[in-house]
Amino acid sequence: MQQGKFKYKPDPTYGYLDLEGACALLGCSKSKMYKLVSRREIPHFKIGRRVLFKADELNEYISNLRVEVVTVPD
């Protein structure tokens, strides 16, 4: 088996995503996700070398990064 390739991928119906699924959801690269994971900036699970993400936690993570609009008076 190749490194990084798993025979069984997490089933998104249970709310878990592998790295590729999380990248697709967030629209970022694998290297960016690895940096966020290594810095513990994004919620994740590690099972051995495998990294899994809960889709609802990623959606909450993104919601917390929202920048509010500031209106400037004329």
PDB file of N, CA and C in Angstrom:
ATOM      1  N   MET A   1       0.842  -1.183   0.000  1.00  0.00           N
ATOM      2  CA  MET A   1       0.000   0.000   0.000  1.00  0.00           C
ATOM      3  C   MET A   1       0.883   1.240   0.000  1.00  0.00           C
ATOM      4  N   GLN A   2       0.560   2.203  -0.838  1.00  0.00           N
ATOM      5  CA  GLN A   2       1.345   3.425  -0.919  1.00  0.00           C
ATOM      6  C   GLN A   2       1.128   4.275   0.315  1.00  0.00           C
ATOM      7  N   GLN A   3       2.167   5.026   0.675  1.00  0.00           N
ATOM      8  CA  GLN A   3       2.050   5.924   1.811  1.00  0.00           C
ATOM      9  C   GLN A   3       1.030   7.016   1.489  1.00  0.00           C
ATOM     10  N   GLY A   4       0.135   7.296   2.425  1.00  0.00           N
ATOM     11  CA  GLY A   4      -0.869   8.326   2.231  1.00  0.00           C
ATOM     12  C   GLY A   4      -2.120   7.842   1.525  1.00  0.00           C
ATOM     13  N   LYS A   5      -2.116   6.610   1.022  1.00  0.00           N
ATOM     14  CA  LYS A   5      -3.293   6.055   0.356  1.00  0.00           C
ATOM     15  C   LYS A   5      -3.920   5.018   1.275  1.00  0.00           C
ATOM     16  N   PHE A   6      -5.206   5.140   1.500  1.00  0.00           N
ATOM     17  CA  PHE A   6      -5.894   4.225   2.382  1.00  0.00           C
ATOM     18  C   PHE A   6      -6.942   3.460   1.612  1.00  0.00           C
ATOM     19  N   LYS A   7      -7.110   2.208   1.986  1.00  0.00           N
ATOM     20  CA  LYS A   7      -8.075   1.356   1.311  1.00  0.00           C
ATOM     21  C   LYS A   7      -9.499   1.822   1.594  1.00  0.00           C
ATOM     22  N   TYR A   8      -9.745   2.255   2.824  1.00  0.00           N
ATOM     23  CA  TYR A   8     -11.082   2.690   3.217  1.00  0.00           C
ATOM     24  C   TYR A   8     -11.059   4.173   3.552  1.00  0.00           C
ATOM     25  N   LYS A   9     -11.816   4.938   2.799  1.00  0.00           N
ATOM     26  CA  LYS A   9     -11.916   6.373   3.072  1.00  0.00           C
ATOM     27  C   LYS A   9     -13.073   6.606   4.020  1.00  0.00           C
ATOM     28  N   PRO A  10     -12.992   7.653   4.845  1.00  0.00           N
ATOM     29  CA  PRO A  10     -14.102   7.957   5.740  1.00  0.00           C
ATOM     30  C   PRO A  10     -15.366   8.259   4.942  1.00  0.00           C
ATOM     31  N   ASP A  11     -16.480   7.848   5.464  1.00  0.00           N
ATOM     32  CA  ASP A  11     -17.763   8.063   4.802  1.00  0.00           C
ATOM     33  C   ASP A  11     -18.292   9.444   5.193  1.00  0.00           C
ATOM     34  N   PRO A  12     -18.447  10.364   4.236  1.00  0.00           N
ATOM     35  CA  PRO A  12     -18.912  11.705   4.572  1.00  0.00           C
ATOM     36  C   PRO A  12     -20.322  11.726   5.167  1.00  0.00           C
ATOM     37  N   THR A  13     -21.088  10.654   4.990  1.00  0.00           N
ATOM     38  CA  THR A  13     -22.425  10.634   5.583  1.00  0.00           C
ATOM     39  C   THR A  13     -22.356  10.595   7.100  1.00  0.00           C
ATOM     40  N   TYR A  14     -21.231  10.138   7.640  1.00  0.00           N
ATOM     41  CA  TYR A  14     -21.045  10.148   9.086  1.00  0.00           C
ATOM     42  C   TYR A  14     -20.412  11.456   9.554  1.00  0.00           C
ATOM     43  N   GLY A  15     -20.116  12.338   8.632  1.00  0.00           N
ATOM     44  CA  GLY A  15     -19.586  13.646   8.992  1.00  0.00           C
ATOM     45  C   GLY A  15     -18.081  13.732   9.094  1.00  0.00           C
ATOM     46  N   TYR A  16     -17.365  12.673   8.709  1.00  0.00           N
ATOM     47  CA  TYR A  16     -15.910  12.699   8.772  1.00  0.00           C
ATOM     48  C   TYR A  16     -15.329  12.812   7.368  1.00  0.00           C
ATOM     49  N   LEU A  17     -14.273  13.596   7.258  1.00  0.00           N
ATOM     50  CA  LEU A  17     -13.605  13.796   5.979  1.00  0.00           C
ATOM     51  C   LEU A  17     -12.131  13.465   6.125  1.00  0.00           C
ATOM     52  N   ASP A  18     -11.544  12.946   5.064  1.00  0.00           N
ATOM     53  CA  ASP A  18     -10.100  12.790   5.042  1.00  0.00           C
ATOM     54  C   ASP A  18      -9.498  14.127   4.615  1.00  0.00           C
ATOM     55  N   LEU A  19      -8.189  14.162   4.457  1.00  0.00           N
ATOM     56  CA  LEU A  19      -7.504  15.418   4.130  1.00  0.00           C
ATOM     57  C   LEU A  19      -8.007  16.004   2.815  1.00  0.00           C
ATOM     58  N   GLU A  20      -8.169  15.164   1.810  1.00  0.00           N
ATOM     59  CA  GLU A  20      -8.624  15.654   0.507  1.00  0.00           C
ATOM     60  C   GLU A  20     -10.036  16.226   0.588  1.00  0.00           C
ATOM     61  N   GLY A  21     -10.901  15.563   1.350  1.00  0.00           N
ATOM     62  CA  GLY A  21     -12.263  16.058   1.518  1.00  0.00           C
ATOM     63  C   GLY A  21     -12.296  17.388   2.253  1.00  0.00           C
ATOM     64  N   ALA A  22     -11.451  17.513   3.273  1.00  0.00           N
ATOM     65  CA  ALA A  22     -11.374  18.770   4.021  1.00  0.00           C
ATOM     66  C   ALA A  22     -10.836  19.893   3.135  1.00  0.00           C
ATOM     67  N   CYS A  23      -9.862  19.575   2.294  1.00  0.00           N
ATOM     68  CA  CYS A  23      -9.319  20.573   1.360  1.00  0.00           C
ATOM     69  C   CYS A  23     -10.397  21.036   0.386  1.00  0.00           C
ATOM     70  N   ALA A  24     -11.182  20.100  -0.084  1.00  0.00           N
ATOM     71  CA  ALA A  24     -12.257  20.439  -1.018  1.00  0.00           C
ATOM     72  C   ALA A  24     -13.304  21.320  -0.331  1.00  0.00           C
ATOM     73  N   LEU A  25     -13.642  20.988   0.901  1.00  0.00           N
ATOM     74  CA  LEU A  25     -14.633  21.762   1.639  1.00  0.00           C
ATOM     75  C   LEU A  25     -14.158  23.183   1.902  1.00  0.00           C
ATOM     76  N   LEU A  26     -12.898  23.327   2.278  1.00  0.00           N
ATOM     77  CA  LEU A  26     -12.362  24.641   2.627  1.00  0.00           C
ATOM     78  C   LEU A  26     -11.773  25.393   1.440  1.00  0.00           C
ATOM     79  N   GLY A  27     -11.519  24.679   0.350  1.00  0.00           N
ATOM     80  CA  GLY A  27     -10.945  25.319  -0.829  1.00  0.00           C
ATOM     81  C   GLY A  27      -9.491  25.707  -0.641  1.00  0.00           C
ATOM     82  N   CYS A  28      -8.734  24.852   0.032  1.00  0.00           N
ATOM     83  CA  CYS A  28      -7.309  25.146   0.233  1.00  0.00           C
ATOM     84  C   CYS A  28      -6.467  23.932  -0.157  1.00  0.00           C
ATOM     85  N   SER A  29      -5.172  24.132  -0.200  1.00  0.00           N
ATOM     86  CA  SER A  29      -4.258  23.079  -0.627  1.00  0.00           C
ATOM     87  C   SER A  29      -3.944  22.122   0.518  1.00  0.00           C
ATOM     88  N   LYS A  30      -3.391  20.968   0.158  1.00  0.00           N
ATOM     89  CA  LYS A  30      -2.981  19.991   1.166  1.00  0.00           C
ATOM     90  C   LYS A  30      -1.892  20.569   2.066  1.00  0.00           C
ATOM     91  N   SER A  31      -0.951  21.307   1.477  1.00  0.00           N
ATOM     92  CA  SER A  31       0.135  21.863   2.288  1.00  0.00           C
ATOM     93  C   SER A  31      -0.398  22.855   3.312  1.00  0.00           C
ATOM     94  N   LYS A  32      -1.395  23.644   2.937  1.00  0.00           N
ATOM     95  CA  LYS A  32      -2.008  24.580   3.883  1.00  0.00           C
ATOM     96  C   LYS A  32      -2.695  23.817   5.010  1.00  0.00           C
ATOM     97  N   MET A  33      -3.406  22.739   4.676  1.00  0.00           N
ATOM     98  CA  MET A  33      -4.077  21.941   5.702  1.00  0.00           C
ATOM     99  C   MET A  33      -3.060  21.308   6.645  1.00  0.00           C
ATOM    100  N   TYR A  34      -1.957  20.782   6.098  1.00  0.00           N
ATOM    101  CA  TYR A  34      -0.932  20.194   6.954  1.00  0.00           C
ATOM    102  C   TYR A  34      -0.360  21.240   7.910  1.00  0.00           C
ATOM    103  N   LYS A  35      -0.175  22.470   7.440  1.00  0.00           N
ATOM    104  CA  LYS A  35       0.332  23.543   8.307  1.00  0.00           C
ATOM    105  C   LYS A  35      -0.662  23.851   9.419  1.00  0.00           C
ATOM    106  N   LEU A  36      -1.955  23.944   9.077  1.00  0.00           N
ATOM    107  CA  LEU A  36      -2.977  24.214  10.085  1.00  0.00           C
ATOM    108  C   LEU A  36      -3.037  23.096  11.124  1.00  0.00           C
ATOM    109  N   VAL A  37      -2.886  21.851  10.666  1.00  0.00           N
ATOM    110  CA  VAL A  37      -2.905  20.707  11.577  1.00  0.00           C
ATOM    111  C   VAL A  37      -1.676  20.721  12.477  1.00  0.00           C
ATOM    112  N   SER A  38      -0.507  20.932  11.911  1.00  0.00           N
ATOM    113  CA  SER A  38       0.719  20.894  12.714  1.00  0.00           C
ATOM    114  C   SER A  38       0.772  22.025  13.730  1.00  0.00           C
ATOM    115  N   ARG A  39       0.144  23.154  13.417  1.00  0.00           N
ATOM    116  CA  ARG A  39       0.080  24.284  14.355  1.00  0.00           C
ATOM    117  C   ARG A  39      -1.114  24.185  15.304  1.00  0.00           C
ATOM    118  N   ARG A  40      -1.907  23.133  15.131  1.00  0.00           N
ATOM    119  CA  ARG A  40      -3.121  22.902  15.933  1.00  0.00           C
ATOM    120  C   ARG A  40      -4.082  24.083  15.838  1.00  0.00           C
ATOM    121  N   GLU A  41      -4.203  24.633  14.644  1.00  0.00           N
ATOM    122  CA  GLU A  41      -5.091  25.769  14.409  1.00  0.00           C
ATOM    123  C   GLU A  41      -6.463  25.333  13.912  1.00  0.00           C
ATOM    124  N   ILE A  42      -6.597  24.080  13.537  1.00  0.00           N
ATOM    125  CA  ILE A  42      -7.847  23.575  12.981  1.00  0.00           C
ATOM    126  C   ILE A  42      -8.218  22.282  13.703  1.00  0.00           C
ATOM    127  N   PRO A  43      -9.505  22.090  14.032  1.00  0.00           N
ATOM    128  CA  PRO A  43      -9.889  20.871  14.749  1.00  0.00           C
ATOM    129  C   PRO A  43      -9.721  19.627  13.869  1.00  0.00           C
ATOM    130  N   HIS A  44      -9.116  18.588  14.439  1.00  0.00           N
ATOM    131  CA  HIS A  44      -8.866  17.366  13.684  1.00  0.00           C
ATOM    132  C   HIS A  44      -8.688  16.184  14.632  1.00  0.00           C
ATOM    133  N   PHE A  45      -8.680  15.005  14.056  1.00  0.00           N
ATOM    134  CA  PHE A  45      -8.408  13.758  14.770  1.00  0.00           C
ATOM    135  C   PHE A  45      -7.223  13.098  14.091  1.00  0.00           C
ATOM    136  N   LYS A  46      -6.356  12.473  14.887  1.00  0.00           N
ATOM    137  CA  LYS A  46      -5.255  11.707  14.320  1.00  0.00           C
ATOM    138  C   LYS A  46      -5.390  10.270  14.772  1.00  0.00           C
ATOM    139  N   ILE A  47      -5.368   9.387  13.810  1.00  0.00           N
ATOM    140  CA  ILE A  47      -5.355   7.951  14.076  1.00  0.00           C
ATOM    141  C   ILE A  47      -4.088   7.442  13.420  1.00  0.00           C
ATOM    142  N   GLY A  48      -3.066   7.259  14.229  1.00  0.00           N
ATOM    143  CA  GLY A  48      -1.753   6.942  13.666  1.00  0.00           C
ATOM    144  C   GLY A  48      -1.267   8.134  12.865  1.00  0.00           C
ATOM    145  N   ARG A  49      -1.006   7.910  11.593  1.00  0.00           N
ATOM    146  CA  ARG A  49      -0.567   8.993  10.713  1.00  0.00           C
ATOM    147  C   ARG A  49      -1.731   9.604   9.940  1.00  0.00           C
ATOM    148  N   ARG A  50      -2.898   9.018  10.104  1.00  0.00           N
ATOM    149  CA  ARG A  50      -4.076   9.458   9.367  1.00  0.00           C
ATOM    150  C   ARG A  50      -4.730  10.649  10.072  1.00  0.00           C
ATOM    151  N   VAL A  51      -5.126  11.643   9.284  1.00  0.00           N
ATOM    152  CA  VAL A  51      -5.777  12.833   9.818  1.00  0.00           C
ATOM    153  C   VAL A  51      -7.211  12.867   9.304  1.00  0.00           C
ATOM    154  N   LEU A  52      -8.161  13.025  10.229  1.00  0.00           N
ATOM    155  CA  LEU A  52      -9.573  13.101   9.879  1.00  0.00           C
ATOM    156  C   LEU A  52     -10.168  14.391  10.432  1.00  0.00           C
ATOM    157  N   PHE A  53     -11.212  14.853   9.782  1.00  0.00           N
ATOM    158  CA  PHE A  53     -11.874  16.093  10.172  1.00  0.00           C
ATOM    159  C   PHE A  53     -13.375  15.849  10.213  1.00  0.00           C
ATOM    160  N   LYS A  54     -14.068  16.517  11.139  1.00  0.00           N
ATOM    161  CA  LYS A  54     -15.529  16.492  11.159  1.00  0.00           C
ATOM    162  C   LYS A  54     -16.007  17.678  10.338  1.00  0.00           C
ATOM    163  N   ALA A  55     -16.898  17.410   9.407  1.00  0.00           N
ATOM    164  CA  ALA A  55     -17.375  18.454   8.505  1.00  0.00           C
ATOM    165  C   ALA A  55     -18.018  19.604   9.274  1.00  0.00           C
ATOM    166  N   ASP A  56     -18.818  19.305  10.299  1.00  0.00           N
ATOM    167  CA  ASP A  56     -19.468  20.379  11.041  1.00  0.00           C
ATOM    168  C   ASP A  56     -18.462  21.230  11.812  1.00  0.00           C
ATOM    169  N   GLU A  57     -17.374  20.632  12.293  1.00  0.00           N
ATOM    170  CA  GLU A  57     -16.335  21.407  12.981  1.00  0.00           C
ATOM    171  C   GLU A  57     -15.588  22.311  12.004  1.00  0.00           C
ATOM    172  N   LEU A  58     -15.377  21.828  10.780  1.00  0.00           N
ATOM    173  CA  LEU A  58     -14.722  22.680   9.778  1.00  0.00           C
ATOM    174  C   LEU A  58     -15.622  23.851   9.401  1.00  0.00           C
ATOM    175  N   ASN A  59     -16.933  23.589   9.281  1.00  0.00           N
ATOM    176  CA  ASN A  59     -17.858  24.682   8.978  1.00  0.00           C
ATOM    177  C   ASN A  59     -17.878  25.714  10.106  1.00  0.00           C
ATOM    178  N   GLU A  60     -17.811  25.258  11.348  1.00  0.00           N
ATOM    179  CA  GLU A  60     -17.763  26.171  12.488  1.00  0.00           C
ATOM    180  C   GLU A  60     -16.449  26.954  12.496  1.00  0.00           C
ATOM    181  N   TYR A  61     -15.353  26.270  12.162  1.00  0.00           N
ATOM    182  CA  TYR A  61     -14.042  26.916  12.088  1.00  0.00           C
ATOM    183  C   TYR A  61     -14.072  28.067  11.080  1.00  0.00           C
ATOM    184  N   ILE A  62     -14.643  27.807   9.921  1.00  0.00           N
ATOM    185  CA  ILE A  62     -14.741  28.838   8.887  1.00  0.00           C
ATOM    186  C   ILE A  62     -15.640  29.983   9.350  1.00  0.00           C
ATOM    187  N   SER A  63     -16.741  29.645  10.005  1.00  0.00           N
ATOM    188  CA  SER A  63     -17.656  30.685  10.495  1.00  0.00           C
ATOM    189  C   SER A  63     -16.962  31.613  11.490  1.00  0.00           C
ATOM    190  N   ASN A  64     -16.067  31.052  12.300  1.00  0.00           N
ATOM    191  CA  ASN A  64     -15.350  31.862  13.284  1.00  0.00           C
ATOM    192  C   ASN A  64     -14.297  32.767  12.648  1.00  0.00           C
ATOM    193  N   LEU A  65     -13.938  32.510  11.401  1.00  0.00           N
ATOM    194  CA  LEU A  65     -12.953  33.346  10.708  1.00  0.00           C
ATOM    195  C   LEU A  65     -13.603  34.517   9.962  1.00  0.00           C
ATOM    196  N   ARG A  66     -14.916  34.576  10.040  1.00  0.00           N
ATOM    197  CA  ARG A  66     -15.656  35.607   9.305  1.00  0.00           C
ATOM    198  C   ARG A  66     -15.245  36.992   9.774  1.00  0.00           C
ATOM    199  N   VAL A  67     -15.033  37.874   8.821  1.00  0.00           N
ATOM    200  CA  VAL A  67     -14.690  39.256   9.104  1.00  0.00           C
ATOM    201  C   VAL A  67     -15.948  40.091   8.907  1.00  0.00           C
ATOM    202  N   GLU A  68     -16.332  40.820   9.944  1.00  0.00           N
ATOM    203  CA  GLU A  68     -17.533  41.638   9.882  1.00  0.00           C
ATOM    204  C   GLU A  68     -17.302  42.843   8.973  1.00  0.00           C
ATOM    205  N   VAL A  69     -18.361  43.253   8.306  1.00  0.00           N
ATOM    206  CA  VAL A  69     -18.296  44.424   7.434  1.00  0.00           C
ATOM    207  C   VAL A  69     -18.417  45.670   8.293  1.00  0.00           C
ATOM    208  N   VAL A  70     -17.557  46.627   7.996  1.00  0.00           N
ATOM    209  CA  VAL A  70     -17.584  47.899   8.715  1.00  0.00           C
ATOM    210  C   VAL A  70     -18.102  48.949   7.735  1.00  0.00           C
ATOM    211  N   THR A  71     -19.152  49.620   8.136  1.00  0.00           N
ATOM    212  CA  THR A  71     -19.677  50.681   7.284  1.00  0.00           C
ATOM    213  C   THR A  71     -19.017  52.001   7.666  1.00  0.00           C
ATOM    214  N   VAL A  72     -18.604  52.725   6.661  1.00  0.00           N
ATOM    215  CA  VAL A  72     -17.940  54.002   6.870  1.00  0.00           C
ATOM    216  C   VAL A  72     -18.964  55.105   6.591  1.00  0.00           C
ATOM    217  N   PRO A  73     -19.167  55.980   7.565  1.00  0.00           N
ATOM    218  CA  PRO A  73     -20.121  57.071   7.323  1.00  0.00           C
ATOM    219  C   PRO A  73     -19.641  57.982   6.202  1.00  0.00           C
ATOM    220  N   ASP A  74     -20.591  58.486   5.435  1.00  0.00           N
ATOM    221  CA  ASP A  74     -20.247  59.389   4.318  1.00  0.00           C
ATOM    222  C   ASP A  74     -19.903  60.766   4.802  1.00  0.00           C
TER     223      ASP A  74
END
